[in-house]
């Protein structure tokens, strides 16, 4: 996909919301047990462990989104389930750096009372503030399959 064409279907607000819910459920399988294992308490040591668990959860979440969206699949498991992928403005796969920027730009989308996320419902290309800042699109479809290279022919038989 070299450039976005008129046939591109952008992923709408509700499709993206459902994908986020699925991803949240998947991430909770890892992060909730971690938080429960550490526990919260009144002592300094318990508070430090709780802070460490929160930090680990934040790193796990960042890596999940950045690695999945920059992978050959171009999508998290939730996005895959809904048939949507993340691309750059030209429709190409994004790198880890751009996926990381997009992930952390979501903080800004959230800090302004979620308006950055609501922008998806009202912008022409269905971009949230984090998409605009990162230069990304979320479109319906699957990532282009990676062409497989056939194995080399066997060596000729010697007589």
C-alpha atoms as a PDB file:
ATOM      1  CA  UNK A   1       0.000   0.000   0.000  1.00  0.00           C
ATOM      2  CA  UNK A   2       2.003   2.993  -1.212  1.00  0.00           C
ATOM      3  CA  UNK A   3      -0.559   5.717  -0.692  1.00  0.00           C
ATOM      4  CA  UNK A   4      -3.985   5.997   0.812  1.00  0.00           C
ATOM      5  CA  UNK A   5      -6.667   5.864  -1.845  1.00  0.00           C
ATOM      6  CA  UNK A   6     -10.297   6.887  -1.988  1.00  0.00           C
ATOM      7  CA  UNK A   7     -11.276   3.311  -1.144  1.00  0.00           C
ATOM      8  CA  UNK A   8      -9.699   3.413   2.311  1.00  0.00           C
ATOM      9  CA  UNK A   9     -12.191   2.817   5.092  1.00  0.00           C
ATOM     10  CA  UNK A  10     -11.138   4.431   8.336  1.00  0.00           C
ATOM     11  CA  UNK A  11     -11.930   2.621  11.587  1.00  0.00           C
ATOM     12  CA  UNK A  12     -14.722   4.430  13.383  1.00  0.00           C
ATOM     13  CA  UNK A  13     -15.084   5.385  17.009  1.00  0.00           C
ATOM     14  CA  UNK A  14     -17.123   2.408  18.278  1.00  0.00           C
ATOM     15  CA  UNK A  15     -15.005  -0.193  16.486  1.00  0.00           C
ATOM     16  CA  UNK A  16     -11.935   1.323  18.117  1.00  0.00           C
ATOM     17  CA  UNK A  17     -13.646   1.427  21.537  1.00  0.00           C
ATOM     18  CA  UNK A  18     -14.423  -2.293  21.357  1.00  0.00           C
ATOM     19  CA  UNK A  19     -10.801  -3.018  20.345  1.00  0.00           C
ATOM     20  CA  UNK A  20      -9.571  -1.060  23.395  1.00  0.00           C
ATOM     21  CA  UNK A  21     -11.925  -3.021  25.662  1.00  0.00           C
ATOM     22  CA  UNK A  22     -10.589  -6.330  24.302  1.00  0.00           C
ATOM     23  CA  UNK A  23      -7.001  -5.128  24.746  1.00  0.00           C
ATOM     24  CA  UNK A  24      -7.804  -3.988  28.281  1.00  0.00           C
ATOM     25  CA  UNK A  25      -9.152  -7.426  29.160  1.00  0.00           C
ATOM     26  CA  UNK A  26      -6.056  -9.092  27.707  1.00  0.00           C
ATOM     27  CA  UNK A  27      -3.704  -6.759  29.562  1.00  0.00           C
ATOM     28  CA  UNK A  28      -5.609  -7.250  32.821  1.00  0.00           C
ATOM     29  CA  UNK A  29      -4.733 -10.952  32.694  1.00  0.00           C
ATOM     30  CA  UNK A  30      -1.114  -9.875  33.253  1.00  0.00           C
ATOM     31  CA  UNK A  31      -1.400  -6.682  35.259  1.00  0.00           C
ATOM     32  CA  UNK A  32      -4.152  -7.501  37.772  1.00  0.00           C
ATOM     33  CA  UNK A  33      -2.443 -10.602  39.220  1.00  0.00           C
ATOM     34  CA  UNK A  34       0.787  -8.606  39.477  1.00  0.00           C
ATOM     35  CA  UNK A  35      -0.933  -5.834  41.400  1.00  0.00           C
ATOM     36  CA  UNK A  36      -2.788  -8.287  43.660  1.00  0.00           C
ATOM     37  CA  UNK A  37       0.401 -10.202  44.391  1.00  0.00           C
ATOM     38  CA  UNK A  38       2.146  -7.044  45.522  1.00  0.00           C
ATOM     39  CA  UNK A  39      -0.820  -5.699  47.489  1.00  0.00           C
ATOM     40  CA  UNK A  40      -1.308  -2.236  48.866  1.00  0.00           C
ATOM     41  CA  UNK A  41      -0.680  -1.277  52.422  1.00  0.00           C
ATOM     42  CA  UNK A  42       0.174   1.426  54.883  1.00  0.00           C
ATOM     43  CA  UNK A  43       3.872   0.840  55.315  1.00  0.00           C
ATOM     44  CA  UNK A  44       6.541   2.451  53.189  1.00  0.00           C
ATOM     45  CA  UNK A  45       7.710  -0.927  51.848  1.00  0.00           C
ATOM     46  CA  UNK A  46       4.196  -1.888  50.763  1.00  0.00           C
ATOM     47  CA  UNK A  47       3.710   1.475  49.095  1.00  0.00           C
ATOM     48  CA  UNK A  48       7.028   1.071  47.267  1.00  0.00           C
ATOM     49  CA  UNK A  49       6.035  -2.411  46.048  1.00  0.00           C
ATOM     50  CA  UNK A  50       2.689  -1.050  44.871  1.00  0.00           C
ATOM     51  CA  UNK A  51       4.464   1.744  42.999  1.00  0.00           C
ATOM     52  CA  UNK A  52       6.799  -0.809  41.424  1.00  0.00           C
ATOM     53  CA  UNK A  53       3.825  -2.925  40.330  1.00  0.00           C
ATOM     54  CA  UNK A  54       2.214   0.134  38.751  1.00  0.00           C
ATOM     55  CA  UNK A  55       5.443   0.923  36.928  1.00  0.00           C
ATOM     56  CA  UNK A  56       5.740  -2.631  35.643  1.00  0.00           C
ATOM     57  CA  UNK A  57       2.091  -2.511  34.498  1.00  0.00           C
ATOM     58  CA  UNK A  58       2.754   0.736  32.626  1.00  0.00           C
ATOM     59  CA  UNK A  59       5.799  -0.770  30.889  1.00  0.00           C
ATOM     60  CA  UNK A  60       3.892  -3.952  29.982  1.00  0.00           C
ATOM     61  CA  UNK A  61       1.058  -1.855  28.524  1.00  0.00           C
ATOM     62  CA  UNK A  62       3.446   0.363  26.532  1.00  0.00           C
ATOM     63  CA  UNK A  63       5.346  -2.626  25.121  1.00  0.00           C
ATOM     64  CA  UNK A  64       2.128  -4.463  24.254  1.00  0.00           C
ATOM     65  CA  UNK A  65       0.800  -1.560  22.194  1.00  0.00           C
ATOM     66  CA  UNK A  66       4.100  -0.431  20.664  1.00  0.00           C
ATOM     67  CA  UNK A  67       5.362  -3.905  19.750  1.00  0.00           C
ATOM     68  CA  UNK A  68       2.033  -5.138  18.401  1.00  0.00           C
ATOM     69  CA  UNK A  69       1.226  -2.020  16.366  1.00  0.00           C
ATOM     70  CA  UNK A  70       4.723  -1.915  14.856  1.00  0.00           C
ATOM     71  CA  UNK A  71       4.718  -5.654  14.107  1.00  0.00           C
ATOM     72  CA  UNK A  72       3.967  -7.214  10.724  1.00  0.00           C
ATOM     73  CA  UNK A  73       0.328  -7.539  11.883  1.00  0.00           C
ATOM     74  CA  UNK A  74       0.131  -3.766  12.543  1.00  0.00           C
ATOM     75  CA  UNK A  75      -2.437  -4.310  15.268  1.00  0.00           C
ATOM     76  CA  UNK A  76      -3.014  -5.334  18.848  1.00  0.00           C
ATOM     77  CA  UNK A  77      -5.076  -8.452  19.508  1.00  0.00           C
ATOM     78  CA  UNK A  78      -8.162  -6.278  20.029  1.00  0.00           C
ATOM     79  CA  UNK A  79      -7.617  -4.490  16.724  1.00  0.00           C
ATOM     80  CA  UNK A  80      -7.039  -7.814  14.959  1.00  0.00           C
ATOM     81  CA  UNK A  81     -10.328  -9.116  16.342  1.00  0.00           C
ATOM     82  CA  UNK A  82     -12.113  -6.068  14.892  1.00  0.00           C
ATOM     83  CA  UNK A  83     -10.274  -6.141  11.557  1.00  0.00           C
ATOM     84  CA  UNK A  84      -8.392  -2.865  11.907  1.00  0.00           C
ATOM     85  CA  UNK A  85      -4.732  -1.903  11.589  1.00  0.00           C
ATOM     86  CA  UNK A  86      -2.510   1.080  12.386  1.00  0.00           C
ATOM     87  CA  UNK A  87      -0.601   2.704   9.499  1.00  0.00           C
ATOM     88  CA  UNK A  88       1.296   5.877   8.849  1.00  0.00           C
ATOM     89  CA  UNK A  89      -0.334   8.619   6.769  1.00  0.00           C
ATOM     90  CA  UNK A  90       0.849   6.910   3.566  1.00  0.00           C
ATOM     91  CA  UNK A  91      -0.641   3.563   4.581  1.00  0.00           C
ATOM     92  CA  UNK A  92       2.671   1.943   5.484  1.00  0.00           C
ATOM     93  CA  UNK A  93       3.568  -0.049   8.570  1.00  0.00           C
ATOM     94  CA  UNK A  94       4.760   2.113  11.467  1.00  0.00           C
ATOM     95  CA  UNK A  95       7.988   1.580  13.358  1.00  0.00           C
ATOM     96  CA  UNK A  96       8.471   1.020  17.066  1.00  0.00           C
ATOM     97  CA  UNK A  97       9.352   4.693  17.650  1.00  0.00           C
ATOM     98  CA  UNK A  98       6.182   5.986  15.995  1.00  0.00           C
ATOM     99  CA  UNK A  99       4.097   3.368  17.843  1.00  0.00           C
ATOM    100  CA  UNK A 100       5.720   4.483  21.111  1.00  0.00           C
ATOM    101  CA  UNK A 101       4.968   8.135  20.345  1.00  0.00           C
ATOM    102  CA  UNK A 102       1.360   7.250  19.517  1.00  0.00           C
ATOM    103  CA  UNK A 103       0.999   5.321  22.776  1.00  0.00           C
ATOM    104  CA  UNK A 104       2.303   8.144  24.963  1.00  0.00           C
ATOM    105  CA  UNK A 105       0.329  10.759  23.014  1.00  0.00           C
ATOM    106  CA  UNK A 106      -2.783   8.956  24.311  1.00  0.00           C
ATOM    107  CA  UNK A 107      -1.944  10.461  27.704  1.00  0.00           C
ATOM    108  CA  UNK A 108      -2.577  13.908  26.234  1.00  0.00           C
ATOM    109  CA  UNK A 109      -5.794  12.644  24.598  1.00  0.00           C
ATOM    110  CA  UNK A 110      -6.944  11.493  28.044  1.00  0.00           C
ATOM    111  CA  UNK A 111      -5.771  14.545  29.998  1.00  0.00           C
ATOM    112  CA  UNK A 112      -8.001  16.904  28.055  1.00  0.00           C
ATOM    113  CA  UNK A 113     -11.086  15.160  29.416  1.00  0.00           C
ATOM    114  CA  UNK A 114     -10.957  12.445  26.763  1.00  0.00           C
ATOM    115  CA  UNK A 115     -11.617  14.917  23.963  1.00  0.00           C
ATOM    116  CA  UNK A 116      -8.539  13.611  22.136  1.00  0.00           C
ATOM    117  CA  UNK A 117     -10.275  10.231  21.878  1.00  0.00           C
ATOM    118  CA  UNK A 118     -13.678  11.712  20.990  1.00  0.00           C
ATOM    119  CA  UNK A 119     -12.054  13.431  18.016  1.00  0.00           C
ATOM    120  CA  UNK A 120     -12.151  10.025  16.277  1.00  0.00           C
ATOM    121  CA  UNK A 121     -15.922  10.418  15.918  1.00  0.00           C
ATOM    122  CA  UNK A 122     -15.690  13.844  14.298  1.00  0.00           C
ATOM    123  CA  UNK A 123     -12.547  14.078  12.162  1.00  0.00           C
ATOM    124  CA  UNK A 124     -12.552  13.305   8.438  1.00  0.00           C
ATOM    125  CA  UNK A 125     -10.037  10.467   8.659  1.00  0.00           C
ATOM    126  CA  UNK A 126     -11.295   9.259  12.069  1.00  0.00           C
ATOM    127  CA  UNK A 127      -8.111  10.361  13.838  1.00  0.00           C
ATOM    128  CA  UNK A 128      -7.797  10.974  17.532  1.00  0.00           C
ATOM    129  CA  UNK A 129      -5.422  13.630  18.810  1.00  0.00           C
ATOM    130  CA  UNK A 130      -2.811  10.924  19.425  1.00  0.00           C
ATOM    131  CA  UNK A 131      -3.120   9.782  15.785  1.00  0.00           C
ATOM    132  CA  UNK A 132      -2.683  13.328  14.499  1.00  0.00           C
ATOM    133  CA  UNK A 133       0.343  13.920  16.733  1.00  0.00           C
ATOM    134  CA  UNK A 134       1.955  10.604  15.723  1.00  0.00           C
ATOM    135  CA  UNK A 135       1.017  10.854  12.047  1.00  0.00           C
ATOM    136  CA  UNK A 136      -0.992   7.637  12.031  1.00  0.00           C
ATOM    137  CA  UNK A 137      -4.295   6.301  10.731  1.00  0.00           C
ATOM    138  CA  UNK A 138      -6.398   3.401  11.927  1.00  0.00           C
ATOM    139  CA  UNK A 139      -8.024   1.692   8.983  1.00  0.00           C
ATOM    140  CA  UNK A 140     -10.225  -1.297   8.339  1.00  0.00           C
ATOM    141  CA  UNK A 141      -8.445  -4.219   6.758  1.00  0.00           C
ATOM    142  CA  UNK A 142      -5.569  -6.549   7.373  1.00  0.00           C
ATOM    143  CA  UNK A 143      -1.858  -5.954   7.126  1.00  0.00           C
ATOM    144  CA  UNK A 144      -0.435  -6.951   3.771  1.00  0.00           C
ATOM    145  CA  UNK A 145       0.948 -10.457   3.960  1.00  0.00           C
ATOM    146  CA  UNK A 146       4.688 -10.751   3.942  1.00  0.00           C
ATOM    147  CA  UNK A 147       5.745 -12.538   0.765  1.00  0.00           C
ATOM    148  CA  UNK A 148       7.376 -15.839   1.464  1.00  0.00           C
ATOM    149  CA  UNK A 149      10.607 -16.676  -0.284  1.00  0.00           C
ATOM    150  CA  UNK A 150      10.578 -20.133  -1.802  1.00  0.00           C
ATOM    151  CA  UNK A 151      13.390 -22.429  -0.713  1.00  0.00           C
ATOM    152  CA  UNK A 152      16.337 -22.689  -3.063  1.00  0.00           C
ATOM    153  CA  UNK A 153      16.278 -25.581  -5.538  1.00  0.00           C
ATOM    154  CA  UNK A 154      18.147 -28.704  -4.476  1.00  0.00           C
ATOM    155  CA  UNK A 155      21.677 -29.063  -5.780  1.00  0.00           C
ATOM    156  CA  UNK A 156      22.010 -31.066  -8.968  1.00  0.00           C
ATOM    157  CA  UNK A 157      22.656 -34.757  -8.492  1.00  0.00           C
ATOM    158  CA  UNK A 158      26.199 -35.843  -9.293  1.00  0.00           C
ATOM    159  CA  UNK A 159      26.717 -38.991 -11.261  1.00  0.00           C
END
